[in-house]
């Protein structure tokens, strides 16, 4: 008696691969930029010469970090939805053993 095996695999198309790697790259870029902004805020480099700029620069989290987080969330939601909508197609292999 032979058995029938159903093997399901998934393979992304070109647009799906582009969206997936775009999401990964965007998240890596945002982690790097947030880290660089935190280091700049902690070390005090890059601050303006005015008293207002120094006061704003000392707030934790700084205004720049808040903007980065908002941009990160917006971009991750958009790219995440695109990645989800371009899910890979299912390839079904039926084998008899």
Protein backbone atom coordinates (compact mmCIF):
# COMPACT_ATOMS: atom_id res chain seq x y z
CA UNK A 1 0.00 0.00 0.00
CA UNK A 2 1.42 3.38 -0.97
CA UNK A 3 1.06 6.57 0.95
CA UNK A 4 0.41 9.97 -0.50
CA UNK A 5 2.37 12.86 0.98
CA UNK A 6 1.32 16.45 0.54
CA UNK A 7 4.21 18.87 0.90
CA UNK A 8 3.35 22.58 1.03
CA UNK A 9 6.09 25.08 0.36
CA UNK A 10 5.94 28.83 -0.10
CA UNK A 11 7.91 30.89 -2.57
CA UNK A 12 7.81 34.68 -2.84
CA UNK A 13 7.77 36.46 -6.16
CA UNK A 14 9.99 39.39 -7.10
CA UNK A 15 7.68 42.04 -5.62
CA UNK A 16 7.28 40.00 -2.43
CA UNK A 17 11.06 39.66 -2.05
CA UNK A 18 11.49 43.39 -2.69
CA UNK A 19 8.88 44.28 -0.03
CA UNK A 20 10.32 41.83 2.51
CA UNK A 21 13.91 43.03 2.12
CA UNK A 22 12.73 46.63 1.99
CA UNK A 23 11.09 46.13 5.39
CA UNK A 24 14.22 44.50 6.81
CA UNK A 25 16.46 47.24 5.41
CA UNK A 26 14.16 50.02 6.61
CA UNK A 27 14.09 48.60 10.14
CA UNK A 28 17.89 48.27 10.16
CA UNK A 29 18.26 51.87 8.95
CA UNK A 30 15.87 53.15 11.62
CA UNK A 31 17.65 51.23 14.40
CA UNK A 32 20.96 52.69 13.27
CA UNK A 33 19.59 56.25 13.02
CA UNK A 34 17.89 56.02 16.43
CA UNK A 35 21.12 54.72 17.97
CA UNK A 36 23.12 57.53 16.35
CA UNK A 37 20.63 60.14 17.60
CA UNK A 38 20.76 58.73 21.14
CA UNK A 39 24.56 58.82 21.11
CA UNK A 40 24.48 62.40 19.84
CA UNK A 41 22.03 63.39 22.57
CA UNK A 42 24.06 61.71 25.32
CA UNK A 43 27.47 63.03 24.26
CA UNK A 44 26.20 66.53 23.53
CA UNK A 45 27.75 66.82 20.07
CA UNK A 46 25.83 68.55 17.36
CA UNK A 47 23.95 70.93 19.66
CA UNK A 48 23.12 74.42 18.57
CA UNK A 49 24.73 77.51 20.08
CA UNK A 50 21.54 79.10 21.39
CA UNK A 51 20.13 78.51 24.85
CA UNK A 52 16.85 77.29 23.37
CA UNK A 53 18.65 74.69 21.27
CA UNK A 54 20.60 73.51 24.32
CA UNK A 55 17.39 73.21 26.35
CA UNK A 56 15.62 71.27 23.63
CA UNK A 57 18.69 69.10 23.08
CA UNK A 58 18.82 68.07 26.74
CA UNK A 59 15.28 66.71 26.89
CA UNK A 60 15.10 62.94 27.04
CA UNK A 61 13.79 61.68 24.72
CA UNK A 62 14.73 64.49 22.42
CA UNK A 63 12.46 65.88 19.74
CA UNK A 64 14.56 64.23 17.06
CA UNK A 65 14.15 60.82 18.66
CA UNK A 66 10.40 61.28 18.86
CA UNK A 67 10.25 62.18 15.17
CA UNK A 68 12.37 59.13 14.31
CA UNK A 69 10.09 56.83 16.27
CA UNK A 70 7.00 58.26 14.56
CA UNK A 71 8.61 57.84 11.12
CA UNK A 72 9.71 54.33 12.07
CA UNK A 73 6.19 53.32 13.09
CA UNK A 74 4.61 54.83 9.98
CA UNK A 75 7.13 53.21 7.64
CA UNK A 76 6.98 49.84 9.38
CA UNK A 77 3.18 49.77 9.18
CA UNK A 78 3.15 50.65 5.48
CA UNK A 79 5.95 48.25 4.53
CA UNK A 80 4.55 45.55 6.81
CA UNK A 81 1.17 45.75 5.10
CA UNK A 82 2.83 45.57 1.69
CA UNK A 83 4.88 42.58 2.82
CA UNK A 84 1.77 40.87 4.15
CA UNK A 85 -0.21 41.57 0.98
CA UNK A 86 2.55 40.11 -1.20
CA UNK A 87 2.65 36.87 0.71
CA UNK A 88 4.26 34.00 -1.05
CA UNK A 89 2.19 31.70 -3.18
CA UNK A 90 1.68 28.13 -2.06
CA UNK A 91 3.25 25.34 -4.06
CA UNK A 92 1.78 21.91 -3.33
CA UNK A 93 3.79 18.81 -4.18
CA UNK A 94 2.04 15.48 -3.99
CA UNK A 95 4.32 12.47 -3.82
CA UNK A 96 3.54 8.80 -3.68
CA UNK A 97 5.93 6.71 -1.62
